[in-house]
Amino acid sequence: MDLWTLLWLAWGALFALIEGVALARDARGDTLSEHLRLWFRTDTHTGRTAWLITSGVFMAWFVTHIAVASST
């Protein structure tokens, strides 16, 4: 297993740990989704629009990136 694979696995495990603790504590404002709502102010029309555009652009890039990524 190469270094990048190990680093991605460590990142995933750390994310699962952080989210798991946040979900287990059940305190308001601990999870990533709650932070994203605050950062993008999704309680406002402008914030929801910004979130939709940002996530849409990211997903368009990500899907294209995975579909046409070089296997070299």
C-alpha atoms as a PDB file:
ATOM      1  CA  MET A   1       0.000   0.000   0.000  1.00  0.00           C
ATOM      2  CA  ASP A   2       1.463   3.372  -0.970  1.00  0.00           C
ATOM      3  CA  LEU A   3       1.699   6.491   1.208  1.00  0.00           C
ATOM      4  CA  TRP A   4      -1.251   8.260  -0.423  1.00  0.00           C
ATOM      5  CA  THR A   5      -3.533   5.302   0.163  1.00  0.00           C
ATOM      6  CA  LEU A   6      -2.537   5.238   3.823  1.00  0.00           C
ATOM      7  CA  LEU A   7      -3.057   8.991   4.157  1.00  0.00           C
ATOM      8  CA  TRP A   8      -6.532   8.796   2.561  1.00  0.00           C
ATOM      9  CA  LEU A   9      -7.464   5.925   4.868  1.00  0.00           C
ATOM     10  CA  ALA A  10      -6.200   7.914   7.875  1.00  0.00           C
ATOM     11  CA  TRP A  11      -8.212  10.950   6.735  1.00  0.00           C
ATOM     12  CA  GLY A  12     -11.347   8.820   6.405  1.00  0.00           C
ATOM     13  CA  ALA A  13     -10.810   7.266   9.839  1.00  0.00           C
ATOM     14  CA  LEU A  14     -10.244  10.683  11.427  1.00  0.00           C
ATOM     15  CA  PHE A  15     -13.362  12.080   9.759  1.00  0.00           C
ATOM     16  CA  ALA A  16     -15.396   9.077  10.973  1.00  0.00           C
ATOM     17  CA  LEU A  17     -14.021   9.568  14.480  1.00  0.00           C
ATOM     18  CA  ILE A  18     -14.789  13.305  14.576  1.00  0.00           C
ATOM     19  CA  GLU A  19     -18.300  12.866  13.154  1.00  0.00           C
ATOM     20  CA  GLY A  20     -18.933   9.837  15.361  1.00  0.00           C
ATOM     21  CA  VAL A  21     -18.032  11.746  18.512  1.00  0.00           C
ATOM     22  CA  ALA A  22     -20.162  14.711  17.376  1.00  0.00           C
ATOM     23  CA  LEU A  23     -23.145  12.448  16.690  1.00  0.00           C
ATOM     24  CA  ALA A  24     -22.713  10.574  19.975  1.00  0.00           C
ATOM     25  CA  ARG A  25     -22.505  13.821  21.972  1.00  0.00           C
ATOM     26  CA  ASP A  26     -25.641  15.071  20.234  1.00  0.00           C
ATOM     27  CA  ALA A  27     -24.690  18.682  20.955  1.00  0.00           C
ATOM     28  CA  ARG A  28     -25.921  21.383  18.610  1.00  0.00           C
ATOM     29  CA  GLY A  29     -23.322  22.697  16.166  1.00  0.00           C
ATOM     30  CA  ASP A  30     -20.839  19.807  16.350  1.00  0.00           C
ATOM     31  CA  THR A  31     -21.291  18.034  13.001  1.00  0.00           C
ATOM     32  CA  LEU A  32     -19.853  19.017   9.628  1.00  0.00           C
ATOM     33  CA  SER A  33     -23.310  19.536   8.138  1.00  0.00           C
ATOM     34  CA  GLU A  34     -24.197  21.974  10.927  1.00  0.00           C
ATOM     35  CA  HIS A  35     -20.961  23.867  10.350  1.00  0.00           C
ATOM     36  CA  LEU A  36     -21.610  24.046   6.608  1.00  0.00           C
ATOM     37  CA  ARG A  37     -25.078  25.445   7.313  1.00  0.00           C
ATOM     38  CA  LEU A  38     -23.503  28.147   9.478  1.00  0.00           C
ATOM     39  CA  TRP A  39     -20.643  28.912   7.069  1.00  0.00           C
ATOM     40  CA  PHE A  40     -22.953  29.178   4.052  1.00  0.00           C
ATOM     41  CA  ARG A  41     -25.818  30.790   6.019  1.00  0.00           C
ATOM     42  CA  THR A  42     -28.332  28.417   4.474  1.00  0.00           C
ATOM     43  CA  ASP A  43     -31.056  30.048   6.541  1.00  0.00           C
ATOM     44  CA  THR A  44     -31.014  32.891   3.997  1.00  0.00           C
ATOM     45  CA  HIS A  45     -31.894  32.923   0.295  1.00  0.00           C
ATOM     46  CA  THR A  46     -28.393  34.146  -0.628  1.00  0.00           C
ATOM     47  CA  GLY A  47     -26.763  31.447   1.497  1.00  0.00           C
ATOM     48  CA  ARG A  48     -28.881  28.663  -0.002  1.00  0.00           C
ATOM     49  CA  THR A  49     -28.105  29.935  -3.494  1.00  0.00           C
ATOM     50  CA  ALA A  50     -24.366  30.092  -2.729  1.00  0.00           C
ATOM     51  CA  TRP A  51     -24.489  26.554  -1.321  1.00  0.00           C
ATOM     52  CA  LEU A  52     -26.354  25.182  -4.341  1.00  0.00           C
ATOM     53  CA  ILE A  53     -23.957  26.810  -6.803  1.00  0.00           C
ATOM     54  CA  THR A  54     -20.839  25.780  -4.875  1.00  0.00           C
ATOM     55  CA  SER A  55     -21.945  22.181  -4.377  1.00  0.00           C
ATOM     56  CA  GLY A  56     -23.171  21.949  -7.979  1.00  0.00           C
ATOM     57  CA  VAL A  57     -19.850  23.174  -9.392  1.00  0.00           C
ATOM     58  CA  PHE A  58     -17.932  20.831  -7.094  1.00  0.00           C
ATOM     59  CA  MET A  59     -20.036  17.808  -8.036  1.00  0.00           C
ATOM     60  CA  ALA A  60     -19.763  18.605 -11.757  1.00  0.00           C
ATOM     61  CA  TRP A  61     -15.972  18.783 -11.425  1.00  0.00           C
ATOM     62  CA  PHE A  62     -15.773  15.674  -9.236  1.00  0.00           C
ATOM     63  CA  VAL A  63     -17.916  13.476 -11.490  1.00  0.00           C
ATOM     64  CA  THR A  64     -15.950  14.602 -14.547  1.00  0.00           C
ATOM     65  CA  HIS A  65     -12.660  14.124 -12.726  1.00  0.00           C
ATOM     66  CA  ILE A  66     -13.513  10.550 -11.724  1.00  0.00           C
ATOM     67  CA  ALA A  67     -15.012   9.644 -15.112  1.00  0.00           C
ATOM     68  CA  VAL A  68     -12.143  10.864 -17.271  1.00  0.00           C
ATOM     69  CA  ALA A  69      -9.184  10.591 -14.901  1.00  0.00           C
ATOM     70  CA  SER A  70      -6.088   9.182 -16.497  1.00  0.00           C
ATOM     71  CA  SER A  71      -5.052   5.757 -15.289  1.00  0.00           C
ATOM     72  CA  THR A  72      -1.347   6.454 -15.801  1.00  0.00           C
END
